[in-house]
């Protein structure tokens, strides 16, 4: 079945992390440590999130990043659409049956239903227990260590 790319996974993790810590700027290093992901890969993710208007970056020694808009105004569907390459579940273009087959329509309907569910949730909706989430992240990447 369809699986979101690691790029989309990391993008959602960054946005969730920033929403959990909305009261301060966060660094790429902090997030990389918290989720045990590559700093370089996360740099690319953050640059794209900033380019797409999800993240605002602040340069300088005390810089970092934060959400560019409220977490409740960023839908999961919007993020998935920006970070995933394509939504074609099967390549029917070379199939001899494609002119008469209903699979393409079924797959398109399934994808539309999945995106509709994603659109119904915001980043804020993913913060089921913000304090516990914050505590779990702090266990992984304490503040002040290489941030």
Protein backbone atom coordinates (compact mmCIF):
# COMPACT_ATOMS: atom_id res chain seq x y z
CA UNK A 1 0.00 0.00 0.00
CA UNK A 2 1.03 3.61 -0.35
CA UNK A 3 3.74 4.76 2.01
CA UNK A 4 4.69 8.37 2.66
CA UNK A 5 8.29 9.20 1.87
CA UNK A 6 10.87 9.81 4.56
CA UNK A 7 10.93 13.43 3.34
CA UNK A 8 7.24 13.87 4.20
CA UNK A 9 7.73 12.06 7.51
CA UNK A 10 10.58 14.43 8.45
CA UNK A 11 8.58 17.46 7.31
CA UNK A 12 5.69 16.50 9.58
CA UNK A 13 8.07 15.81 12.48
CA UNK A 14 9.64 19.26 12.10
CA UNK A 15 6.22 20.93 12.08
CA UNK A 16 5.04 18.91 15.08
CA UNK A 17 8.25 19.75 16.96
CA UNK A 18 7.82 23.45 16.25
CA UNK A 19 4.17 23.31 17.31
CA UNK A 20 5.10 21.60 20.58
CA UNK A 21 7.71 24.31 21.21
CA UNK A 22 5.75 27.29 19.89
CA UNK A 23 7.06 29.48 22.72
CA UNK A 24 10.66 29.48 21.46
CA UNK A 25 12.93 29.15 18.45
CA UNK A 26 14.19 25.64 17.68
CA UNK A 27 17.36 24.60 15.88
CA UNK A 28 17.87 22.01 13.18
CA UNK A 29 20.46 20.30 15.41
CA UNK A 30 17.97 19.99 18.25
CA UNK A 31 15.36 18.44 15.97
CA UNK A 32 17.91 16.13 14.33
CA UNK A 33 18.91 14.79 17.75
CA UNK A 34 15.34 14.51 19.02
CA UNK A 35 14.32 12.26 16.12
CA UNK A 36 17.74 10.74 15.37
CA UNK A 37 17.77 11.96 11.77
CA UNK A 38 20.52 13.36 9.56
CA UNK A 39 21.26 17.06 10.14
CA UNK A 40 22.01 17.55 6.43
CA UNK A 41 18.77 15.89 5.35
CA UNK A 42 16.84 18.00 7.84
CA UNK A 43 18.45 21.17 6.44
CA UNK A 44 16.92 20.38 3.04
CA UNK A 45 13.55 19.66 4.62
CA UNK A 46 13.58 22.92 6.62
CA UNK A 47 14.63 24.96 3.57
CA UNK A 48 11.69 23.55 1.61
CA UNK A 49 9.29 24.11 4.51
CA UNK A 50 10.47 27.73 4.72
CA UNK A 51 10.13 28.15 0.95
CA UNK A 52 6.58 26.76 1.10
CA UNK A 53 5.59 29.13 3.93
CA UNK A 54 5.26 26.58 6.74
CA UNK A 55 8.39 27.62 8.66
CA UNK A 56 9.98 30.97 9.40
CA UNK A 57 13.73 31.04 9.99
CA UNK A 58 15.65 33.55 12.08
CA UNK A 59 19.34 33.90 11.24
CA UNK A 60 22.16 34.61 13.63
CA UNK A 61 23.77 33.20 16.73
CA UNK A 62 20.49 33.13 18.66
CA UNK A 63 18.49 32.20 15.58
CA UNK A 64 16.42 29.17 14.80
CA UNK A 65 13.01 28.49 13.38
CA UNK A 66 9.35 28.53 14.28
CA UNK A 67 6.06 27.93 12.53
CA UNK A 68 5.30 30.66 10.01
CA UNK A 69 1.60 30.47 10.89
CA UNK A 70 -0.51 28.91 13.63
CA UNK A 71 -0.41 25.11 13.84
CA UNK A 72 -4.19 24.95 13.53
CA UNK A 73 -3.98 26.62 10.10
CA UNK A 74 -1.57 24.05 8.59
CA UNK A 75 -3.39 20.97 7.37
CA UNK A 76 -1.67 17.61 7.14
CA UNK A 77 -3.04 17.32 3.60
CA UNK A 78 -1.40 20.59 2.58
CA UNK A 79 1.97 19.36 3.85
CA UNK A 80 1.60 15.96 2.17
CA UNK A 81 0.69 17.58 -1.17
CA UNK A 82 3.78 19.83 -0.98
CA UNK A 83 6.22 17.11 0.05
CA UNK A 84 5.12 14.05 -1.94
CA UNK A 85 6.17 13.72 -5.57
CA UNK A 86 3.08 12.18 -7.10
CA UNK A 87 -0.17 10.58 -6.17
CA UNK A 88 -0.43 7.99 -8.90
CA UNK A 89 -0.63 4.64 -7.08
CA UNK A 90 -0.08 2.59 -10.23
CA UNK A 91 1.37 3.35 -13.65
CA UNK A 92 -1.45 2.33 -15.93
CA UNK A 93 -0.08 4.16 -18.99
CA UNK A 94 1.73 1.13 -20.42
CA UNK A 95 -0.95 -1.42 -19.62
CA UNK A 96 -2.91 -2.96 -22.48
CA UNK A 97 -6.04 -3.04 -20.31
CA UNK A 98 -6.03 0.65 -19.34
CA UNK A 99 -8.59 1.81 -21.94
CA UNK A 100 -11.19 -0.59 -20.51
CA UNK A 101 -10.07 -1.04 -16.90
CA UNK A 102 -11.69 0.58 -13.88
CA UNK A 103 -8.60 0.31 -11.66
CA UNK A 104 -7.38 3.82 -12.45
CA UNK A 105 -10.65 5.36 -11.25
CA UNK A 106 -10.74 3.25 -8.09
CA UNK A 107 -7.17 4.20 -7.22
CA UNK A 108 -7.88 7.89 -7.87
CA UNK A 109 -10.98 7.72 -5.66
CA UNK A 110 -8.98 6.03 -2.89
CA UNK A 111 -6.25 8.68 -3.07
CA UNK A 112 -8.84 11.48 -2.97
CA UNK A 113 -10.44 9.89 0.12
CA UNK A 114 -7.07 9.63 1.87
CA UNK A 115 -6.23 13.26 1.12
CA UNK A 116 -9.68 14.31 2.35
CA UNK A 117 -8.89 12.68 5.71
CA UNK A 118 -5.47 14.38 5.82
CA UNK A 119 -7.13 17.72 5.01
CA UNK A 120 -9.45 17.30 8.00
CA UNK A 121 -6.52 17.46 10.45
CA UNK A 122 -4.15 20.28 11.27
CA UNK A 123 -0.71 20.08 12.84
CA UNK A 124 -2.36 21.28 16.07
CA UNK A 125 -4.67 18.24 15.97
CA UNK A 126 -1.61 15.97 16.10
CA UNK A 127 -0.60 17.31 19.51
CA UNK A 128 -2.74 14.90 21.52
CA UNK A 129 -0.74 15.40 24.72
CA UNK A 130 1.57 18.35 24.18
CA UNK A 131 3.24 18.20 27.60
CA UNK A 132 4.04 14.51 27.36
CA UNK A 133 5.32 15.02 23.81
CA UNK A 134 7.56 17.86 25.01
CA UNK A 135 8.88 15.71 27.86
CA UNK A 136 9.64 12.81 25.50
CA UNK A 137 11.53 15.10 23.12
CA UNK A 138 13.51 16.63 25.96
CA UNK A 139 14.69 13.15 26.98
CA UNK A 140 16.13 12.71 23.50
CA UNK A 141 17.60 16.19 22.91
CA UNK A 142 18.08 18.31 26.05
CA UNK A 143 18.23 22.04 25.43
CA UNK A 144 21.64 23.66 25.39
CA UNK A 145 23.55 20.66 24.07
CA UNK A 146 24.72 21.70 20.64
CA UNK A 147 21.60 23.67 19.84
